[in-house]
N, C-alpha and C. Protein backbone atom coordinates (compact mmCIF):
# COMPACT_ATOMS: atom_id res chain seq x y z
N MET A 1 18.95 23.23 -3.97
CA MET A 1 17.66 23.92 -3.91
C MET A 1 17.44 24.39 -2.49
N GLY A 2 17.31 25.69 -2.28
CA GLY A 2 17.10 26.25 -0.95
C GLY A 2 15.64 26.21 -0.54
N THR A 3 15.36 26.67 0.69
CA THR A 3 13.99 26.71 1.18
C THR A 3 13.22 27.79 0.42
N THR A 4 12.22 27.37 -0.32
CA THR A 4 11.42 28.28 -1.10
C THR A 4 9.95 27.99 -0.86
N SER A 5 9.23 28.99 -0.41
CA SER A 5 7.80 28.86 -0.17
C SER A 5 7.05 28.96 -1.49
N VAL A 6 6.08 28.06 -1.68
CA VAL A 6 5.24 28.07 -2.88
C VAL A 6 3.78 27.85 -2.48
N THR A 7 2.90 28.36 -3.30
CA THR A 7 1.46 28.21 -3.08
C THR A 7 0.90 27.25 -4.11
N MET A 8 -0.07 26.46 -3.68
CA MET A 8 -0.77 25.53 -4.57
C MET A 8 -2.26 25.76 -4.40
N ILE A 9 -2.99 25.64 -5.51
CA ILE A 9 -4.44 25.91 -5.49
C ILE A 9 -5.18 24.71 -6.08
N ARG A 10 -6.23 24.27 -5.38
CA ARG A 10 -7.16 23.28 -5.95
C ARG A 10 -8.36 24.10 -6.39
N PRO A 11 -8.57 24.19 -7.72
CA PRO A 11 -9.56 25.14 -8.25
C PRO A 11 -11.01 24.80 -7.95
N HIS A 12 -11.28 23.60 -7.47
CA HIS A 12 -12.65 23.22 -7.11
C HIS A 12 -12.57 22.13 -6.03
N LEU A 13 -13.67 21.90 -5.37
CA LEU A 13 -13.74 20.87 -4.34
C LEU A 13 -14.73 19.78 -4.72
N ARG A 14 -14.76 19.46 -6.00
CA ARG A 14 -15.57 18.35 -6.49
C ARG A 14 -14.69 17.11 -6.60
N ASP A 15 -15.33 15.96 -6.70
CA ASP A 15 -14.63 14.69 -6.94
C ASP A 15 -13.52 14.45 -5.91
N LEU A 16 -13.84 14.66 -4.67
CA LEU A 16 -12.85 14.47 -3.61
C LEU A 16 -12.72 12.99 -3.26
N PRO A 17 -11.49 12.53 -3.03
CA PRO A 17 -11.32 11.13 -2.66
C PRO A 17 -11.83 10.87 -1.24
N GLU A 18 -12.19 9.63 -0.99
CA GLU A 18 -12.58 9.20 0.35
C GLU A 18 -11.33 9.09 1.21
N PRO A 19 -11.40 9.49 2.47
CA PRO A 19 -10.26 9.25 3.36
C PRO A 19 -10.18 7.76 3.70
N VAL A 20 -9.02 7.18 3.52
CA VAL A 20 -8.81 5.76 3.80
C VAL A 20 -7.71 5.64 4.85
N PHE A 21 -8.11 5.26 6.06
CA PHE A 21 -7.17 5.11 7.17
C PHE A 21 -6.88 3.63 7.40
N PRO A 22 -5.69 3.30 7.85
CA PRO A 22 -5.43 1.92 8.27
C PRO A 22 -6.37 1.55 9.42
N PRO A 23 -6.63 0.26 9.63
CA PRO A 23 -7.53 -0.14 10.72
C PRO A 23 -7.11 0.46 12.06
N GLY A 24 -8.08 1.04 12.76
CA GLY A 24 -7.85 1.61 14.08
C GLY A 24 -7.41 3.06 14.07
N TRP A 25 -6.98 3.58 12.92
CA TRP A 25 -6.55 4.97 12.80
C TRP A 25 -7.74 5.85 12.45
N GLY A 26 -7.67 7.12 12.80
CA GLY A 26 -8.76 8.03 12.46
C GLY A 26 -8.41 9.47 12.80
N MET A 27 -9.42 10.30 12.78
CA MET A 27 -9.26 11.72 13.07
C MET A 27 -10.19 12.09 14.21
N ARG A 28 -9.75 13.06 14.99
CA ARG A 28 -10.63 13.65 15.99
C ARG A 28 -10.44 15.15 16.00
N ALA A 29 -11.51 15.84 16.38
CA ALA A 29 -11.47 17.29 16.46
C ALA A 29 -10.55 17.72 17.59
N MET A 30 -9.83 18.81 17.36
CA MET A 30 -8.99 19.39 18.40
C MET A 30 -9.82 20.29 19.31
N THR A 31 -9.30 20.50 20.49
CA THR A 31 -9.80 21.54 21.39
C THR A 31 -8.59 22.41 21.75
N VAL A 32 -8.84 23.53 22.39
CA VAL A 32 -7.71 24.37 22.79
C VAL A 32 -6.84 23.67 23.83
N GLN A 33 -7.39 22.67 24.52
CA GLN A 33 -6.58 21.90 25.47
C GLN A 33 -5.55 21.02 24.76
N ASP A 34 -5.70 20.83 23.45
CA ASP A 34 -4.77 20.00 22.66
C ASP A 34 -3.61 20.79 22.07
N ILE A 35 -3.51 22.08 22.37
CA ILE A 35 -2.46 22.90 21.75
C ILE A 35 -1.07 22.35 22.06
N GLY A 36 -0.83 21.91 23.27
CA GLY A 36 0.47 21.34 23.62
C GLY A 36 0.78 20.09 22.82
N LEU A 37 -0.22 19.23 22.63
CA LEU A 37 -0.04 18.03 21.82
C LEU A 37 0.24 18.40 20.37
N TRP A 38 -0.52 19.35 19.84
CA TRP A 38 -0.30 19.83 18.47
C TRP A 38 1.13 20.31 18.31
N THR A 39 1.60 21.10 19.26
CA THR A 39 2.96 21.64 19.21
C THR A 39 3.99 20.51 19.26
N ASP A 40 3.76 19.52 20.11
CA ASP A 40 4.67 18.38 20.21
C ASP A 40 4.75 17.62 18.89
N ILE A 41 3.62 17.41 18.25
CA ILE A 41 3.60 16.72 16.96
C ILE A 41 4.37 17.53 15.92
N GLN A 42 4.17 18.84 15.89
CA GLN A 42 4.89 19.69 14.93
C GLN A 42 6.40 19.63 15.17
N ILE A 43 6.81 19.71 16.41
CA ILE A 43 8.24 19.64 16.73
C ILE A 43 8.82 18.31 16.27
N ASP A 44 8.08 17.23 16.51
CA ASP A 44 8.55 15.89 16.13
C ASP A 44 8.64 15.73 14.62
N ALA A 45 7.68 16.28 13.89
CA ALA A 45 7.59 16.05 12.45
C ALA A 45 8.34 17.05 11.59
N GLU A 46 8.57 18.24 12.10
CA GLU A 46 9.11 19.33 11.28
C GLU A 46 10.62 19.23 11.11
N ARG A 47 11.08 19.19 9.85
CA ARG A 47 12.51 19.10 9.55
C ARG A 47 13.10 20.42 9.09
N PHE A 48 12.28 21.38 8.70
CA PHE A 48 12.79 22.59 8.07
C PHE A 48 12.60 23.87 8.88
N LEU A 49 11.66 23.88 9.80
CA LEU A 49 11.34 25.09 10.56
C LEU A 49 11.55 24.87 12.06
N THR A 50 11.82 25.94 12.77
CA THR A 50 11.85 25.90 14.23
C THR A 50 10.44 26.14 14.72
N ILE A 51 9.93 25.22 15.51
CA ILE A 51 8.56 25.33 16.04
C ILE A 51 8.64 25.94 17.43
N ARG A 52 7.97 27.06 17.61
CA ARG A 52 7.95 27.75 18.90
C ARG A 52 6.64 27.41 19.63
N PRO A 53 6.65 27.47 20.95
CA PRO A 53 5.45 27.12 21.72
C PRO A 53 4.22 27.96 21.40
N ASP A 54 4.42 29.19 20.91
CA ASP A 54 3.28 30.07 20.62
C ASP A 54 2.78 29.96 19.17
N LEU A 55 3.31 29.01 18.41
CA LEU A 55 2.97 28.91 16.99
C LEU A 55 1.47 28.69 16.77
N PHE A 56 0.86 27.78 17.49
CA PHE A 56 -0.56 27.50 17.27
C PHE A 56 -1.39 28.77 17.44
N LEU A 57 -1.13 29.52 18.50
CA LEU A 57 -1.91 30.74 18.73
C LEU A 57 -1.64 31.78 17.66
N LYS A 58 -0.41 31.85 17.15
CA LYS A 58 -0.13 32.78 16.05
C LYS A 58 -0.89 32.39 14.80
N GLU A 59 -1.00 31.10 14.53
CA GLU A 59 -1.65 30.63 13.31
C GLU A 59 -3.18 30.61 13.41
N PHE A 60 -3.71 30.26 14.58
CA PHE A 60 -5.15 30.02 14.70
C PHE A 60 -5.83 30.85 15.80
N GLY A 61 -5.06 31.62 16.54
CA GLY A 61 -5.58 32.33 17.70
C GLY A 61 -6.63 33.39 17.41
N SER A 62 -6.71 33.84 16.16
CA SER A 62 -7.71 34.86 15.83
C SER A 62 -9.12 34.30 15.79
N ASP A 63 -9.26 32.97 15.81
CA ASP A 63 -10.58 32.35 15.76
C ASP A 63 -10.56 31.01 16.49
N LEU A 64 -10.28 31.04 17.78
CA LEU A 64 -10.21 29.80 18.56
C LEU A 64 -11.54 29.06 18.58
N GLU A 65 -12.65 29.77 18.40
CA GLU A 65 -13.95 29.10 18.38
C GLU A 65 -14.06 28.13 17.20
N ALA A 66 -13.31 28.39 16.13
CA ALA A 66 -13.37 27.52 14.94
C ALA A 66 -12.49 26.28 15.07
N VAL A 67 -11.63 26.22 16.06
CA VAL A 67 -10.68 25.12 16.18
C VAL A 67 -11.35 23.75 16.16
N PRO A 68 -12.39 23.47 16.97
CA PRO A 68 -12.98 22.13 16.95
C PRO A 68 -13.61 21.73 15.60
N ALA A 69 -14.03 22.71 14.82
CA ALA A 69 -14.64 22.41 13.52
C ALA A 69 -13.62 22.33 12.40
N ARG A 70 -12.40 22.85 12.61
CA ARG A 70 -11.46 22.97 11.50
C ARG A 70 -10.06 22.41 11.76
N CYS A 71 -9.72 22.09 12.99
CA CYS A 71 -8.39 21.56 13.31
C CYS A 71 -8.54 20.14 13.85
N PHE A 72 -7.68 19.24 13.37
CA PHE A 72 -7.86 17.82 13.68
C PHE A 72 -6.55 17.16 14.04
N LEU A 73 -6.67 16.13 14.85
CA LEU A 73 -5.55 15.28 15.21
C LEU A 73 -5.75 13.91 14.58
N LEU A 74 -4.70 13.39 14.00
CA LEU A 74 -4.66 12.01 13.52
C LEU A 74 -4.39 11.13 14.73
N THR A 75 -5.21 10.12 14.93
CA THR A 75 -5.04 9.24 16.09
C THR A 75 -4.71 7.82 15.66
N ASP A 76 -3.86 7.18 16.46
CA ASP A 76 -3.49 5.79 16.20
C ASP A 76 -4.49 4.87 16.89
N PRO A 77 -4.35 3.55 16.77
CA PRO A 77 -5.32 2.64 17.39
C PRO A 77 -5.44 2.78 18.91
N ARG A 78 -4.45 3.38 19.57
CA ARG A 78 -4.53 3.61 21.02
C ARG A 78 -5.20 4.95 21.34
N GLY A 79 -5.49 5.74 20.30
CA GLY A 79 -6.09 7.06 20.50
C GLY A 79 -5.07 8.17 20.70
N LEU A 80 -3.79 7.86 20.48
CA LEU A 80 -2.74 8.86 20.66
C LEU A 80 -2.59 9.74 19.43
N GLY A 81 -2.26 11.00 19.63
CA GLY A 81 -2.09 11.94 18.53
C GLY A 81 -0.81 11.69 17.77
N MET A 82 -0.92 11.42 16.47
CA MET A 82 0.23 11.11 15.64
C MET A 82 0.38 12.05 14.45
N GLY A 83 -0.57 12.95 14.26
CA GLY A 83 -0.48 13.89 13.16
C GLY A 83 -1.49 15.01 13.34
N THR A 84 -1.38 16.01 12.47
CA THR A 84 -2.30 17.15 12.51
C THR A 84 -2.64 17.58 11.09
N ILE A 85 -3.78 18.20 10.96
CA ILE A 85 -4.15 18.89 9.73
C ILE A 85 -5.25 19.88 10.09
N SER A 86 -5.29 20.98 9.38
CA SER A 86 -6.35 21.96 9.60
C SER A 86 -7.04 22.27 8.29
N ALA A 87 -8.36 22.27 8.34
CA ALA A 87 -9.21 22.68 7.22
C ALA A 87 -9.57 24.14 7.50
N TRP A 88 -8.58 25.00 7.44
CA TRP A 88 -8.70 26.38 7.86
C TRP A 88 -9.30 27.22 6.74
N TYR A 89 -9.15 28.51 6.80
CA TYR A 89 -9.76 29.40 5.82
C TYR A 89 -8.94 30.66 5.68
N ASN A 90 -9.20 31.34 4.59
CA ASN A 90 -8.69 32.70 4.38
C ASN A 90 -9.85 33.47 3.79
N ARG A 91 -10.39 34.40 4.52
CA ARG A 91 -11.58 35.16 4.08
C ARG A 91 -11.27 36.11 2.93
N ASP A 92 -9.97 36.33 2.67
CA ASP A 92 -9.61 37.25 1.59
C ASP A 92 -8.36 36.75 0.85
N PHE A 93 -8.48 35.58 0.26
CA PHE A 93 -7.42 35.05 -0.59
C PHE A 93 -7.70 35.56 -2.00
N ARG A 94 -7.01 36.62 -2.36
CA ARG A 94 -7.21 37.27 -3.66
C ARG A 94 -8.68 37.63 -3.88
N GLY A 95 -9.27 38.15 -2.81
CA GLY A 95 -10.63 38.65 -2.90
C GLY A 95 -11.73 37.63 -2.69
N ALA A 96 -11.37 36.38 -2.35
CA ALA A 96 -12.39 35.34 -2.18
C ALA A 96 -12.21 34.64 -0.83
N ASP A 97 -13.28 34.03 -0.35
CA ASP A 97 -13.28 33.21 0.86
C ASP A 97 -12.88 31.80 0.43
N VAL A 98 -11.65 31.38 0.77
CA VAL A 98 -11.09 30.14 0.26
C VAL A 98 -10.64 29.26 1.42
N GLY A 99 -10.86 27.95 1.28
CA GLY A 99 -10.37 27.00 2.27
C GLY A 99 -8.85 26.89 2.20
N ARG A 100 -8.24 26.70 3.36
CA ARG A 100 -6.78 26.58 3.41
C ARG A 100 -6.39 25.30 4.14
N ILE A 101 -5.70 24.43 3.45
CA ILE A 101 -5.09 23.28 4.10
C ILE A 101 -3.86 23.81 4.83
N HIS A 102 -3.77 23.50 6.13
CA HIS A 102 -2.76 24.18 6.95
C HIS A 102 -2.16 23.20 7.96
N TRP A 103 -0.85 23.23 8.10
CA TRP A 103 -0.09 22.46 9.08
C TRP A 103 -0.39 20.96 9.02
N VAL A 104 -0.11 20.38 7.87
CA VAL A 104 -0.23 18.94 7.66
C VAL A 104 1.03 18.29 8.21
N SER A 105 0.87 17.37 9.13
CA SER A 105 2.05 16.68 9.66
C SER A 105 1.69 15.29 10.15
N VAL A 106 2.69 14.42 10.09
CA VAL A 106 2.59 13.07 10.64
C VAL A 106 3.93 12.79 11.32
N ARG A 107 3.86 12.26 12.52
CA ARG A 107 5.10 11.94 13.23
C ARG A 107 5.97 11.02 12.36
N PRO A 108 7.30 11.24 12.37
CA PRO A 108 8.18 10.44 11.52
C PRO A 108 8.02 8.93 11.68
N ALA A 109 7.77 8.45 12.90
CA ALA A 109 7.62 7.01 13.13
C ALA A 109 6.39 6.43 12.42
N CYS A 110 5.47 7.30 12.00
CA CYS A 110 4.22 6.85 11.38
C CYS A 110 4.14 7.17 9.89
N GLN A 111 5.18 7.79 9.35
CA GLN A 111 5.14 8.18 7.94
C GLN A 111 5.30 6.97 7.03
N GLY A 112 4.86 7.15 5.78
CA GLY A 112 4.97 6.08 4.79
C GLY A 112 3.84 5.07 4.83
N ARG A 113 2.75 5.39 5.50
CA ARG A 113 1.61 4.48 5.62
C ARG A 113 0.35 5.03 4.94
N GLY A 114 0.48 6.14 4.23
CA GLY A 114 -0.68 6.75 3.59
C GLY A 114 -1.50 7.62 4.52
N LEU A 115 -0.97 7.93 5.68
CA LEU A 115 -1.73 8.71 6.66
C LEU A 115 -1.90 10.16 6.24
N GLY A 116 -0.89 10.73 5.61
CA GLY A 116 -1.01 12.10 5.11
C GLY A 116 -2.11 12.21 4.06
N LYS A 117 -2.18 11.22 3.18
CA LYS A 117 -3.25 11.21 2.17
C LYS A 117 -4.62 11.11 2.82
N ALA A 118 -4.73 10.26 3.83
CA ALA A 118 -6.01 10.12 4.52
C ALA A 118 -6.40 11.42 5.22
N GLU A 119 -5.42 12.06 5.87
CA GLU A 119 -5.68 13.34 6.53
C GLU A 119 -6.15 14.39 5.52
N LEU A 120 -5.46 14.46 4.39
CA LEU A 120 -5.78 15.46 3.38
C LEU A 120 -7.18 15.23 2.81
N ALA A 121 -7.51 13.99 2.50
CA ALA A 121 -8.85 13.69 1.99
C ALA A 121 -9.91 14.08 3.03
N TYR A 122 -9.63 13.78 4.28
CA TYR A 122 -10.55 14.12 5.36
C TYR A 122 -10.77 15.64 5.44
N ALA A 123 -9.68 16.39 5.48
CA ALA A 123 -9.78 17.85 5.63
C ALA A 123 -10.48 18.49 4.44
N LEU A 124 -10.20 18.03 3.24
CA LEU A 124 -10.88 18.60 2.07
C LEU A 124 -12.38 18.39 2.15
N ARG A 125 -12.79 17.22 2.61
CA ARG A 125 -14.22 16.94 2.75
C ARG A 125 -14.85 17.79 3.85
N VAL A 126 -14.08 18.11 4.89
CA VAL A 126 -14.62 18.95 5.98
C VAL A 126 -15.02 20.31 5.45
N PHE A 127 -14.14 20.95 4.67
CA PHE A 127 -14.51 22.32 4.27
C PHE A 127 -15.15 22.44 2.91
N ALA A 128 -15.38 21.34 2.23
CA ALA A 128 -16.06 21.39 0.93
C ALA A 128 -17.44 22.05 1.01
N PRO A 129 -18.22 21.84 2.07
CA PRO A 129 -19.52 22.52 2.13
C PRO A 129 -19.40 24.04 2.30
N TRP A 130 -18.25 24.53 2.77
CA TRP A 130 -18.10 25.95 3.09
C TRP A 130 -17.36 26.74 2.02
N HIS A 131 -16.58 26.05 1.18
CA HIS A 131 -15.71 26.75 0.23
C HIS A 131 -15.82 26.11 -1.16
N ASP A 132 -15.51 26.90 -2.19
CA ASP A 132 -15.53 26.41 -3.56
C ASP A 132 -14.17 25.89 -4.02
N LYS A 133 -13.10 26.39 -3.39
CA LYS A 133 -11.77 25.94 -3.77
C LYS A 133 -10.88 25.99 -2.54
N ALA A 134 -9.65 25.49 -2.70
CA ALA A 134 -8.72 25.43 -1.58
C ALA A 134 -7.33 25.81 -2.03
N TYR A 135 -6.52 26.23 -1.07
CA TYR A 135 -5.12 26.49 -1.34
C TYR A 135 -4.29 26.03 -0.16
N LEU A 136 -3.00 25.98 -0.37
CA LEU A 136 -2.06 25.68 0.70
C LEU A 136 -0.73 26.33 0.36
N VAL A 137 0.09 26.47 1.36
CA VAL A 137 1.45 26.99 1.18
C VAL A 137 2.39 25.91 1.70
N THR A 138 3.39 25.58 0.91
CA THR A 138 4.38 24.58 1.30
C THR A 138 5.74 25.08 0.86
N SER A 139 6.73 24.23 0.88
CA SER A 139 8.05 24.63 0.41
C SER A 139 8.59 23.59 -0.57
N THR A 140 9.49 24.02 -1.41
CA THR A 140 10.01 23.16 -2.47
C THR A 140 10.82 21.98 -1.94
N GLU A 141 11.29 22.04 -0.69
CA GLU A 141 12.02 20.90 -0.11
C GLU A 141 11.10 19.74 0.22
N ARG A 142 9.84 20.01 0.38
CA ARG A 142 8.88 18.98 0.78
C ARG A 142 8.36 18.24 -0.46
N VAL A 143 9.28 17.59 -1.14
CA VAL A 143 8.97 16.97 -2.43
C VAL A 143 7.87 15.92 -2.29
N VAL A 144 7.94 15.08 -1.27
CA VAL A 144 6.92 14.04 -1.08
C VAL A 144 5.55 14.69 -0.86
N ALA A 145 5.50 15.73 -0.05
CA ALA A 145 4.24 16.43 0.20
C ALA A 145 3.73 17.10 -1.06
N VAL A 146 4.61 17.76 -1.81
CA VAL A 146 4.19 18.42 -3.04
C VAL A 146 3.60 17.40 -4.01
N LYS A 147 4.23 16.24 -4.13
CA LYS A 147 3.69 15.20 -5.02
C LYS A 147 2.29 14.78 -4.56
N MET A 148 2.11 14.61 -3.24
CA MET A 148 0.80 14.25 -2.72
C MET A 148 -0.23 15.33 -3.08
N TYR A 149 0.13 16.59 -2.89
CA TYR A 149 -0.80 17.68 -3.20
C TYR A 149 -1.14 17.70 -4.69
N LEU A 150 -0.14 17.49 -5.54
CA LEU A 150 -0.40 17.42 -6.98
C LEU A 150 -1.34 16.26 -7.29
N ASP A 151 -1.11 15.11 -6.67
CA ASP A 151 -1.98 13.95 -6.88
C ASP A 151 -3.42 14.23 -6.46
N PHE A 152 -3.60 15.16 -5.52
CA PHE A 152 -4.93 15.53 -5.04
C PHE A 152 -5.54 16.69 -5.84
N GLY A 153 -4.88 17.09 -6.91
CA GLY A 153 -5.43 18.12 -7.78
C GLY A 153 -5.04 19.55 -7.45
N PHE A 154 -4.13 19.73 -6.52
CA PHE A 154 -3.61 21.08 -6.27
C PHE A 154 -2.63 21.42 -7.38
N ARG A 155 -2.74 22.64 -7.89
CA ARG A 155 -1.89 23.08 -8.99
C ARG A 155 -0.92 24.15 -8.52
N PRO A 156 0.25 24.18 -9.11
CA PRO A 156 1.19 25.25 -8.77
C PRO A 156 0.59 26.62 -9.07
N ASP A 157 0.74 27.53 -8.16
CA ASP A 157 0.29 28.91 -8.35
C ASP A 157 1.48 29.69 -8.92
N LEU A 158 1.35 30.14 -10.13
CA LEU A 158 2.43 30.86 -10.79
C LEU A 158 2.32 32.36 -10.66
N GLU A 159 1.29 32.85 -9.97
CA GLU A 159 1.05 34.29 -9.87
C GLU A 159 2.11 35.05 -9.06
N PRO A 160 2.54 34.55 -7.89
CA PRO A 160 3.53 35.33 -7.12
C PRO A 160 4.86 35.49 -7.88
N GLU A 161 5.51 36.59 -7.60
CA GLU A 161 6.80 36.85 -8.23
C GLU A 161 7.79 35.73 -7.89
N GLY A 162 8.47 35.22 -8.89
CA GLY A 162 9.46 34.16 -8.71
C GLY A 162 8.89 32.76 -8.66
N ALA A 163 7.56 32.63 -8.70
CA ALA A 163 6.94 31.31 -8.56
C ALA A 163 7.31 30.39 -9.72
N ARG A 164 7.25 30.88 -10.94
CA ARG A 164 7.56 30.03 -12.09
C ARG A 164 8.98 29.45 -11.97
N GLU A 165 9.92 30.27 -11.55
CA GLU A 165 11.30 29.79 -11.39
C GLU A 165 11.39 28.72 -10.31
N SER A 166 10.69 28.93 -9.20
CA SER A 166 10.71 27.94 -8.11
C SER A 166 10.11 26.62 -8.56
N TRP A 167 8.98 26.69 -9.26
CA TRP A 167 8.33 25.47 -9.72
C TRP A 167 9.16 24.78 -10.81
N THR A 168 9.79 25.55 -11.66
CA THR A 168 10.63 24.96 -12.71
C THR A 168 11.81 24.24 -12.08
N ALA A 169 12.42 24.82 -11.07
CA ALA A 169 13.53 24.16 -10.38
C ALA A 169 13.07 22.86 -9.73
N LEU A 170 11.91 22.88 -9.09
CA LEU A 170 11.39 21.67 -8.46
C LEU A 170 11.06 20.60 -9.51
N ALA A 171 10.54 21.03 -10.65
CA ALA A 171 10.14 20.09 -11.70
C ALA A 171 11.33 19.34 -12.30
N ARG A 172 12.53 19.82 -12.06
CA ARG A 172 13.71 19.09 -12.54
C ARG A 172 13.92 17.80 -11.76
N THR A 173 13.43 17.76 -10.50
CA THR A 173 13.57 16.55 -9.70
C THR A 173 12.25 15.82 -9.48
N LEU A 174 11.14 16.54 -9.54
CA LEU A 174 9.83 15.93 -9.35
C LEU A 174 9.09 15.93 -10.68
N LYS A 175 8.95 14.77 -11.26
CA LYS A 175 8.22 14.64 -12.53
C LYS A 175 6.75 14.37 -12.21
N HIS A 176 5.88 15.21 -12.72
CA HIS A 176 4.44 15.04 -12.48
C HIS A 176 3.69 15.69 -13.63
N PRO A 177 2.65 15.04 -14.14
CA PRO A 177 1.89 15.61 -15.27
C PRO A 177 1.33 17.01 -15.00
N LEU A 178 0.86 17.28 -13.78
CA LEU A 178 0.32 18.62 -13.49
C LEU A 178 1.41 19.69 -13.52
N LEU A 179 2.62 19.32 -13.12
CA LEU A 179 3.73 20.28 -13.22
C LEU A 179 4.02 20.58 -14.68
N GLU A 180 4.12 19.54 -15.49
CA GLU A 180 4.40 19.74 -16.92
C GLU A 180 3.30 20.56 -17.57
N GLU A 181 2.04 20.23 -17.26
CA GLU A 181 0.91 20.96 -17.84
C GLU A 181 0.93 22.43 -17.41
N THR A 182 1.16 22.68 -16.13
CA THR A 182 1.15 24.04 -15.61
C THR A 182 2.31 24.87 -16.15
N LEU A 183 3.46 24.23 -16.28
CA LEU A 183 4.65 24.96 -16.70
C LEU A 183 4.81 24.98 -18.22
N GLY A 184 3.90 24.34 -18.93
CA GLY A 184 3.91 24.45 -20.39
C GLY A 184 4.71 23.39 -21.11
N GLY A 185 4.60 22.14 -20.69
CA GLY A 185 5.24 21.06 -21.45
C GLY A 185 6.66 20.80 -21.03
N ALA A 186 7.52 20.61 -22.01
CA ALA A 186 8.91 20.22 -21.74
C ALA A 186 9.61 21.26 -20.89
N LEU A 187 10.32 20.80 -19.90
CA LEU A 187 11.01 21.69 -18.99
C LEU A 187 12.49 21.79 -19.35
N PRO A 188 13.05 22.97 -19.26
CA PRO A 188 14.45 23.13 -19.56
C PRO A 188 15.31 22.29 -18.60
N GLY A 189 16.26 21.57 -19.15
CA GLY A 189 17.15 20.76 -18.34
C GLY A 189 16.55 19.48 -17.83
N ALA A 190 15.32 19.16 -18.25
CA ALA A 190 14.68 17.93 -17.77
C ALA A 190 15.11 16.75 -18.59
C-alpha cells in the first residue's frame, strides 16, 4: 500500500469525548515564538513526509493572529512540548465553513499513552462553538491514526476521485465498523 492521501469528515460536533490526559500532561496555546518547537516536534514524529523549516508558515501563515486560539502544544509534566494539534478551519470546504483537525503529532518517545486521543478530544472541543462539523486529511499508511479518527466519529470521505478504492484497500488491513458501514458491508478480499 503506497502513500495515499484521504479525507475524513465528522458530520457533527455533538457528543464529544472529554480530553483525558495522564497526570501532569496537558495542552497550551501556541504563539508564533513556538514555531521552531512545532517544527522540531513534527520532524521528530513524522515518518512519511519531509518537514521543512517553512512548513508552519505555509500551513498557518495566512492567519497568524488565529494561532493562539487554534494551535496547541501537548506538554509533559515538565512543561516541555511533546506533541501538536491544530483546531484550524477551512472557510470554503465544499462551500461551508468547517473545522479542520490539522498536524496531529506526538513525539515517538511519548506515543502509546493515549495522548493523541486526548489532543484530538481537546481540539474538537475548542472549535465546536465555531463550527458544525470537522474534517481532516491523513494518509492510508497512518493506520493507528485512522483507527483513532474512526473511533472519534470521523467517516471516510468517498467523494474525491479514487477515494473508495483507497478506503477499500485500507479496510483489508483495518477492520472497523464505520469502514464497513461506509463502504457498504462485506469488503472484497476481507
